[in-house]
Amino acid sequence: MPARFISAHCTITWHGVDNDTPPGHSVAIGTDALGAAYLWLFKGNQPTDDAFVGSISVPARASELPAAYGRGGGFAGAVTDYATTLARLADRATNEE
C-alpha cells in the first residue's frame, strides 16, 4: 500500500500543530489500513484527503529509519530531522501546485 492518506482507510489518534509544523499546515499521527504508523502533513487545519501534502513513516523498530513520502505516495527521502522534512514536503507540494 502506498504511503498516502485516505481518510476512509486511516485512523487518526492526534491532530494539531507543534513546533515542527510548517506555517499554514497541520499534522496528524495515526495508522493506515494495515496498521502502519504515520505522521501526516496537511495544508490548513483540517486532516482531509484534499489537504494531504505528504507523510513520514513511523518505524516499528528502533533499527528502522523513518522515510518521507509525497502526496502521491512516492518516496521523498530518508528522515533525519522531522522539522526539515516537513518543511521540504510542504515546499514540494507548493511547487507542484
N, C-alpha and C. Protein backbone atom coordinates (compact mmCIF):
# COMPACT_ATOMS: atom_id res chain seq x y z
N MET A 1 0.86 -1.18 0.00
CA MET A 1 0.00 0.00 0.00
C MET A 1 0.90 1.24 0.00
N PRO A 2 0.66 2.16 -0.91
CA PRO A 2 1.47 3.38 -0.92
C PRO A 2 1.22 4.21 0.34
N ALA A 3 2.20 5.04 0.66
CA ALA A 3 2.12 5.87 1.86
C ALA A 3 1.28 7.11 1.57
N ARG A 4 0.01 6.90 1.34
CA ARG A 4 -0.92 8.00 1.07
C ARG A 4 -1.92 8.09 2.21
N PHE A 5 -2.55 9.24 2.31
CA PHE A 5 -3.60 9.41 3.30
C PHE A 5 -4.95 9.31 2.60
N ILE A 6 -5.72 8.33 2.98
CA ILE A 6 -7.10 8.19 2.50
C ILE A 6 -7.94 8.07 3.77
N SER A 7 -8.71 9.10 4.05
CA SER A 7 -9.38 9.19 5.35
C SER A 7 -10.22 7.96 5.67
N ALA A 8 -10.83 7.35 4.68
CA ALA A 8 -11.67 6.18 4.93
C ALA A 8 -10.85 4.98 5.40
N HIS A 9 -9.53 4.98 5.15
CA HIS A 9 -8.68 3.85 5.49
C HIS A 9 -7.71 4.13 6.62
N CYS A 10 -7.78 5.32 7.21
CA CYS A 10 -6.80 5.71 8.23
C CYS A 10 -7.49 6.03 9.56
N THR A 11 -6.75 5.82 10.63
CA THR A 11 -7.22 6.16 11.96
C THR A 11 -6.29 7.22 12.54
N ILE A 12 -6.82 8.39 12.84
CA ILE A 12 -6.04 9.49 13.42
C ILE A 12 -6.16 9.43 14.94
N THR A 13 -5.00 9.43 15.61
CA THR A 13 -5.01 9.43 17.07
C THR A 13 -4.72 10.81 17.65
N TRP A 14 -4.09 11.69 16.86
CA TRP A 14 -3.84 13.08 17.27
C TRP A 14 -3.73 13.95 16.03
N HIS A 15 -4.28 15.16 16.11
CA HIS A 15 -4.18 16.13 15.02
C HIS A 15 -3.98 17.51 15.64
N GLY A 16 -3.06 18.29 15.06
CA GLY A 16 -2.83 19.63 15.57
C GLY A 16 -1.58 20.24 14.97
N VAL A 17 -1.00 21.17 15.71
CA VAL A 17 0.20 21.88 15.29
C VAL A 17 1.22 21.78 16.41
N ASP A 18 2.47 21.53 16.04
CA ASP A 18 3.54 21.52 17.03
C ASP A 18 4.70 22.38 16.52
N ASN A 19 5.81 22.37 17.22
CA ASN A 19 6.96 23.21 16.85
C ASN A 19 7.58 22.84 15.51
N ASP A 20 7.37 21.62 15.03
CA ASP A 20 7.94 21.18 13.77
C ASP A 20 7.03 21.43 12.57
N THR A 21 5.80 21.84 12.81
CA THR A 21 4.81 22.01 11.74
C THR A 21 5.09 23.28 10.94
N PRO A 22 5.18 23.16 9.60
CA PRO A 22 5.38 24.36 8.78
C PRO A 22 4.18 25.32 8.91
N PRO A 23 4.42 26.62 8.79
CA PRO A 23 3.32 27.59 8.85
C PRO A 23 2.24 27.28 7.81
N GLY A 24 0.99 27.42 8.23
CA GLY A 24 -0.13 27.18 7.33
C GLY A 24 -0.49 25.71 7.16
N HIS A 25 0.11 24.86 7.97
CA HIS A 25 -0.11 23.42 7.88
C HIS A 25 -0.48 22.85 9.25
N SER A 26 -0.91 21.59 9.25
CA SER A 26 -1.16 20.85 10.48
C SER A 26 -0.67 19.43 10.27
N VAL A 27 -0.50 18.71 11.36
CA VAL A 27 -0.04 17.33 11.29
C VAL A 27 -0.99 16.42 12.04
N ALA A 28 -0.98 15.15 11.67
CA ALA A 28 -1.77 14.14 12.35
C ALA A 28 -0.91 12.90 12.51
N ILE A 29 -1.14 12.18 13.58
CA ILE A 29 -0.46 10.92 13.84
C ILE A 29 -1.53 9.84 13.87
N GLY A 30 -1.23 8.71 13.25
CA GLY A 30 -2.19 7.63 13.23
C GLY A 30 -1.69 6.43 12.47
N THR A 31 -2.61 5.56 12.09
CA THR A 31 -2.26 4.33 11.38
C THR A 31 -3.06 4.20 10.10
N ASP A 32 -2.45 3.51 9.13
CA ASP A 32 -3.16 3.25 7.88
C ASP A 32 -3.96 1.95 8.02
N ALA A 33 -4.53 1.48 6.92
CA ALA A 33 -5.38 0.30 6.95
C ALA A 33 -4.63 -0.97 7.37
N LEU A 34 -3.32 -0.99 7.17
CA LEU A 34 -2.52 -2.16 7.54
C LEU A 34 -1.91 -2.05 8.94
N GLY A 35 -2.20 -0.94 9.63
CA GLY A 35 -1.69 -0.75 10.98
C GLY A 35 -0.33 -0.08 11.05
N ALA A 36 0.21 0.35 9.90
CA ALA A 36 1.50 1.05 9.89
C ALA A 36 1.29 2.47 10.40
N ALA A 37 2.21 2.93 11.25
CA ALA A 37 2.08 4.26 11.85
C ALA A 37 2.69 5.33 10.95
N TYR A 38 2.02 6.48 10.88
CA TYR A 38 2.47 7.60 10.06
C TYR A 38 2.26 8.93 10.77
N LEU A 39 3.07 9.89 10.38
CA LEU A 39 2.87 11.30 10.69
C LEU A 39 2.47 11.93 9.36
N TRP A 40 1.25 12.43 9.27
CA TRP A 40 0.74 13.00 8.03
C TRP A 40 0.77 14.52 8.09
N LEU A 41 1.07 15.16 6.98
CA LEU A 41 1.11 16.62 6.87
C LEU A 41 -0.04 17.08 5.99
N PHE A 42 -0.75 18.12 6.47
CA PHE A 42 -1.89 18.67 5.74
C PHE A 42 -1.73 20.17 5.56
N LYS A 43 -2.18 20.68 4.43
CA LYS A 43 -2.23 22.13 4.23
C LYS A 43 -3.50 22.64 4.89
N GLY A 44 -3.37 23.63 5.76
CA GLY A 44 -4.52 24.13 6.50
C GLY A 44 -4.68 23.38 7.81
N ASN A 45 -5.86 23.52 8.40
CA ASN A 45 -6.06 22.95 9.74
C ASN A 45 -7.03 21.78 9.78
N GLN A 46 -7.32 21.17 8.62
CA GLN A 46 -8.23 20.02 8.59
C GLN A 46 -7.53 18.81 7.96
N PRO A 47 -7.61 17.64 8.59
CA PRO A 47 -6.99 16.43 8.03
C PRO A 47 -7.92 15.76 7.01
N THR A 48 -7.96 16.31 5.81
CA THR A 48 -8.81 15.77 4.76
C THR A 48 -7.97 15.23 3.62
N ASP A 49 -8.58 14.42 2.78
CA ASP A 49 -7.87 13.85 1.63
C ASP A 49 -7.33 14.96 0.73
N ASP A 50 -8.13 15.99 0.47
CA ASP A 50 -7.72 17.08 -0.41
C ASP A 50 -6.59 17.93 0.17
N ALA A 51 -6.50 18.01 1.49
CA ALA A 51 -5.48 18.83 2.14
C ALA A 51 -4.17 18.07 2.37
N PHE A 52 -4.16 16.78 2.11
CA PHE A 52 -2.98 15.95 2.35
C PHE A 52 -1.80 16.41 1.51
N VAL A 53 -0.63 16.57 2.16
CA VAL A 53 0.58 17.04 1.50
C VAL A 53 1.63 15.93 1.41
N GLY A 54 1.81 15.16 2.46
CA GLY A 54 2.81 14.11 2.49
C GLY A 54 2.83 13.43 3.84
N SER A 55 3.72 12.46 3.98
CA SER A 55 3.76 11.70 5.22
C SER A 55 5.17 11.28 5.57
N ILE A 56 5.32 10.90 6.83
CA ILE A 56 6.57 10.33 7.34
C ILE A 56 6.19 9.03 8.04
N SER A 57 6.84 7.94 7.63
CA SER A 57 6.59 6.66 8.29
C SER A 57 7.17 6.70 9.70
N VAL A 58 6.49 6.04 10.61
CA VAL A 58 6.98 5.91 11.98
C VAL A 58 7.43 4.46 12.14
N PRO A 59 8.74 4.24 12.27
CA PRO A 59 9.26 2.88 12.31
C PRO A 59 8.71 2.06 13.47
N ALA A 60 8.51 0.77 13.21
CA ALA A 60 8.04 -0.14 14.23
C ALA A 60 9.18 -0.60 15.14
N ARG A 61 10.42 -0.54 14.62
CA ARG A 61 11.60 -0.97 15.38
C ARG A 61 12.63 0.14 15.42
N ALA A 62 13.40 0.18 16.48
CA ALA A 62 14.43 1.21 16.64
C ALA A 62 15.51 1.12 15.55
N SER A 63 15.69 -0.03 14.96
CA SER A 63 16.72 -0.19 13.93
C SER A 63 16.29 0.35 12.56
N GLU A 64 15.02 0.70 12.41
CA GLU A 64 14.50 1.20 11.14
C GLU A 64 14.55 2.73 11.13
N LEU A 65 14.72 3.27 9.94
CA LEU A 65 14.71 4.73 9.78
C LEU A 65 13.38 5.19 9.22
N PRO A 66 12.88 6.34 9.67
CA PRO A 66 11.66 6.88 9.08
C PRO A 66 11.94 7.34 7.65
N ALA A 67 10.92 7.28 6.81
CA ALA A 67 11.04 7.73 5.42
C ALA A 67 9.90 8.69 5.11
N ALA A 68 10.17 9.63 4.22
CA ALA A 68 9.15 10.61 3.82
C ALA A 68 8.56 10.20 2.48
N TYR A 69 7.27 10.53 2.31
CA TYR A 69 6.55 10.22 1.08
C TYR A 69 5.74 11.44 0.66
N GLY A 70 5.69 11.69 -0.63
CA GLY A 70 4.93 12.81 -1.16
C GLY A 70 3.45 12.52 -1.26
N ARG A 71 2.70 13.48 -1.76
CA ARG A 71 1.24 13.39 -1.85
C ARG A 71 0.76 12.12 -2.54
N GLY A 72 1.42 11.72 -3.60
CA GLY A 72 1.00 10.53 -4.35
C GLY A 72 1.52 9.22 -3.79
N GLY A 73 2.29 9.27 -2.72
CA GLY A 73 2.81 8.07 -2.09
C GLY A 73 4.22 7.73 -2.51
N GLY A 74 4.81 8.52 -3.41
CA GLY A 74 6.17 8.26 -3.85
C GLY A 74 7.20 8.62 -2.80
N PHE A 75 8.30 7.88 -2.78
CA PHE A 75 9.38 8.10 -1.83
C PHE A 75 9.95 9.50 -1.98
N ALA A 76 10.10 10.22 -0.86
CA ALA A 76 10.61 11.59 -0.89
C ALA A 76 11.88 11.75 -0.04
N GLY A 77 12.50 10.66 0.36
CA GLY A 77 13.76 10.74 1.08
C GLY A 77 13.71 10.19 2.49
N ALA A 78 14.91 9.93 3.00
CA ALA A 78 15.04 9.48 4.38
C ALA A 78 14.86 10.68 5.32
N VAL A 79 14.47 10.40 6.53
CA VAL A 79 14.20 11.46 7.51
C VAL A 79 15.30 11.46 8.56
N THR A 80 16.00 12.58 8.67
CA THR A 80 16.98 12.75 9.74
C THR A 80 16.51 13.79 10.74
N ASP A 81 15.66 14.70 10.29
CA ASP A 81 15.13 15.77 11.13
C ASP A 81 13.69 16.02 10.70
N TYR A 82 12.76 15.86 11.63
CA TYR A 82 11.34 15.98 11.29
C TYR A 82 10.97 17.37 10.80
N ALA A 83 11.43 18.42 11.45
CA ALA A 83 11.07 19.78 11.05
C ALA A 83 11.54 20.07 9.63
N THR A 84 12.76 19.69 9.31
CA THR A 84 13.30 19.92 7.97
C THR A 84 12.52 19.12 6.93
N THR A 85 12.21 17.87 7.25
CA THR A 85 11.48 17.02 6.31
C THR A 85 10.06 17.54 6.08
N LEU A 86 9.37 17.95 7.13
CA LEU A 86 8.03 18.50 6.97
C LEU A 86 8.06 19.77 6.12
N ALA A 87 9.06 20.62 6.36
CA ALA A 87 9.20 21.84 5.55
C ALA A 87 9.46 21.49 4.09
N ARG A 88 10.29 20.47 3.85
CA ARG A 88 10.58 20.04 2.49
C ARG A 88 9.33 19.50 1.80
N LEU A 89 8.52 18.71 2.51
CA LEU A 89 7.27 18.20 1.94
C LEU A 89 6.30 19.33 1.61
N ALA A 90 6.20 20.31 2.52
CA ALA A 90 5.32 21.47 2.28
C ALA A 90 5.78 22.25 1.07
N ASP A 91 7.09 22.47 0.96
CA ASP A 91 7.64 23.21 -0.17
C ASP A 91 7.44 22.45 -1.47
N ARG A 92 7.66 21.17 -1.42
CA ARG A 92 7.48 20.32 -2.62
C ARG A 92 6.04 20.37 -3.10
N ALA A 93 5.09 20.30 -2.18
CA ALA A 93 3.67 20.35 -2.56
C ALA A 93 3.31 21.70 -3.15
N THR A 94 3.86 22.78 -2.59
CA THR A 94 3.60 24.14 -3.10
C THR A 94 4.14 24.28 -4.52
N ASN A 95 5.31 23.71 -4.79
CA ASN A 95 5.91 23.82 -6.12
C ASN A 95 5.19 22.95 -7.15
N GLU A 96 4.46 21.92 -6.69
CA GLU A 96 3.70 21.05 -7.61
C GLU A 96 2.35 21.64 -7.97
N GLU A 97 1.88 22.65 -7.23
CA GLU A 97 0.55 23.23 -7.48
C GLU A 97 0.53 24.03 -8.76
